[in-house]
Amino acid sequence: MRLIEATQYKLPPAAWVSILHRVSGIVMFLLLPFVLWMFDTTLTSEITYSQFTAVFMGGVGFVPAWLIKIVTLGLIWAYLHHFIAGLRHLWMDVTHSVTKEFGRISAQVTLGLSIVLTLVLGFKLFF
């Protein structure tokens, strides 16, 4: 009976933000070669920039454009979530706002803001 109770535990929003902060850091680290490739191709010349934009329209090799856009969207989410969660932690450190209520509200704002901004930029990416 205790096993069933333990599996029904609901994580608070602050725990989700903490877990996703780590996940977003790992995603950004793993996608660092992709970021460097994007940075290099967009700044080298006008020709490589047009090749870069063509990848998002027609894909590259056997990788379709929609998959590249999904990976880019994952990178966008990872950056936004990591950045906003980092600001949340900085704010808590500077103001010493370490109450349970502030933690809950700031975690909900962090989750909501990162999702909304990702959806806005994802709309721009796909349409």
Protein backbone atom coordinates (compact mmCIF):
# COMPACT_ATOMS: atom_id res chain seq x y z
CA MET A 1 0.00 0.00 0.00
CA ARG A 2 2.86 2.41 0.74
CA LEU A 3 4.35 1.76 -2.72
CA ILE A 4 1.16 3.02 -4.34
CA GLU A 5 1.25 6.16 -2.19
CA ALA A 6 4.87 6.82 -3.11
CA THR A 7 4.20 6.58 -6.86
CA GLN A 8 1.32 9.07 -6.62
CA TYR A 9 3.50 11.88 -5.27
CA LYS A 10 3.07 15.08 -7.27
CA LEU A 11 6.22 17.12 -7.79
CA PRO A 12 5.87 20.85 -7.04
CA PRO A 13 6.54 23.35 -9.85
CA ALA A 14 9.92 24.29 -8.34
CA ALA A 15 11.05 20.66 -8.67
CA TRP A 16 9.99 20.58 -12.32
CA VAL A 17 11.90 23.81 -12.98
CA SER A 18 14.98 22.36 -11.29
CA ILE A 19 14.82 19.12 -13.28
CA LEU A 20 14.16 20.94 -16.56
CA HIS A 21 17.00 23.38 -15.82
CA ARG A 22 19.39 20.43 -15.77
CA VAL A 23 17.80 18.87 -18.86
CA SER A 24 18.01 22.16 -20.78
CA GLY A 25 21.69 22.48 -19.87
CA ILE A 26 22.37 18.98 -21.19
CA VAL A 27 20.41 19.69 -24.39
CA MET A 28 22.38 22.88 -25.02
CA PHE A 29 25.66 21.07 -24.39
CA LEU A 30 24.77 18.22 -26.74
CA LEU A 31 23.61 20.61 -29.45
CA LEU A 32 26.70 22.82 -29.19
CA PRO A 33 28.15 21.47 -32.49
CA PHE A 34 24.84 22.38 -34.19
CA VAL A 35 25.00 25.89 -32.69
CA LEU A 36 28.58 26.34 -33.84
CA TRP A 37 27.66 25.16 -37.34
CA MET A 38 24.75 27.64 -37.44
CA PHE A 39 26.97 30.46 -36.18
CA ASP A 40 29.73 29.68 -38.69
CA THR A 41 27.46 29.34 -41.73
CA THR A 42 25.49 32.48 -41.01
CA LEU A 43 28.55 34.70 -40.61
CA THR A 44 31.04 33.35 -43.16
CA SER A 45 29.56 34.81 -46.35
CA GLU A 46 26.35 35.55 -48.16
CA ILE A 47 26.65 32.23 -49.99
CA THR A 48 26.89 30.17 -46.81
CA TYR A 49 24.02 32.17 -45.32
CA SER A 50 21.82 31.24 -48.28
CA GLN A 51 22.93 27.61 -47.86
CA PHE A 52 21.96 27.87 -44.19
CA THR A 53 18.47 29.15 -44.99
CA ALA A 54 18.08 26.48 -47.67
CA VAL A 55 18.66 23.79 -45.02
CA PHE A 56 15.57 25.02 -43.17
CA MET A 57 13.53 24.91 -46.38
CA GLY A 58 14.66 21.66 -47.98
CA GLY A 59 16.78 19.79 -45.47
CA VAL A 60 20.32 18.57 -45.89
CA GLY A 61 21.34 15.15 -47.17
CA PHE A 62 18.90 12.57 -45.81
CA VAL A 63 17.74 14.84 -42.93
CA PRO A 64 14.42 16.54 -43.75
CA ALA A 65 13.82 20.22 -43.01
CA TRP A 66 11.08 19.49 -40.46
CA LEU A 67 13.52 17.46 -38.34
CA ILE A 68 16.06 20.30 -38.40
CA LYS A 69 13.30 22.68 -37.34
CA ILE A 70 12.27 20.37 -34.48
CA VAL A 71 15.88 20.18 -33.26
CA THR A 72 16.14 23.97 -33.53
CA LEU A 73 12.88 24.34 -31.59
CA GLY A 74 14.29 22.07 -28.88
CA LEU A 75 17.37 24.27 -28.75
CA ILE A 76 15.23 27.38 -28.52
CA TRP A 77 13.25 25.90 -25.62
CA ALA A 78 16.43 24.77 -23.86
CA TYR A 79 18.00 28.22 -24.11
CA LEU A 80 14.87 30.08 -23.03
CA HIS A 81 14.13 27.79 -20.11
CA HIS A 82 17.73 27.75 -18.93
CA PHE A 83 17.99 31.53 -19.19
CA ILE A 84 14.70 32.26 -17.40
CA ALA A 85 15.38 29.67 -14.68
CA GLY A 86 18.84 31.18 -14.22
CA LEU A 87 17.31 34.63 -13.80
CA ARG A 88 14.92 33.13 -11.25
CA HIS A 89 17.82 31.72 -9.26
CA LEU A 90 19.74 34.99 -9.48
CA TRP A 91 16.70 36.90 -8.25
CA MET A 92 16.30 34.53 -5.30
CA ASP A 93 20.00 34.86 -4.46
CA VAL A 94 20.04 38.65 -4.66
CA THR A 95 16.78 39.33 -2.80
CA HIS A 96 16.94 36.33 -0.46
CA SER A 97 13.39 35.46 -1.54
CA VAL A 98 13.43 31.87 -0.43
CA THR A 99 9.86 31.38 0.69
CA LYS A 100 7.73 28.46 -0.37
CA GLU A 101 5.14 30.77 -1.93
CA PHE A 102 7.70 32.74 -3.96
CA GLY A 103 9.30 29.50 -5.09
CA ARG A 104 5.96 28.17 -6.32
CA ILE A 105 4.92 31.36 -8.09
CA SER A 106 8.33 32.00 -9.67
CA ALA A 107 8.49 28.39 -10.86
CA GLN A 108 5.08 28.70 -12.50
CA VAL A 109 6.13 31.96 -14.16
CA THR A 110 9.35 30.32 -15.37
CA LEU A 111 7.51 27.34 -16.85
CA GLY A 112 4.79 29.47 -18.41
CA LEU A 113 7.12 32.09 -19.85
CA SER A 114 9.51 29.56 -21.37
CA ILE A 115 6.63 27.66 -22.98
CA VAL A 116 4.90 30.78 -24.33
CA LEU A 117 8.12 32.24 -25.75
CA THR A 118 9.02 28.87 -27.30
CA LEU A 119 5.59 28.68 -28.95
CA VAL A 120 5.94 32.23 -30.31
CA LEU A 121 9.40 31.57 -31.74
CA GLY A 122 8.30 28.11 -32.94
CA PHE A 123 5.45 29.73 -34.86
CA LYS A 124 7.99 32.08 -36.46
CA LEU A 125 10.27 29.12 -37.24
CA PHE A 126 7.60 26.96 -38.87
CA PHE A 127 5.49 29.61 -40.63
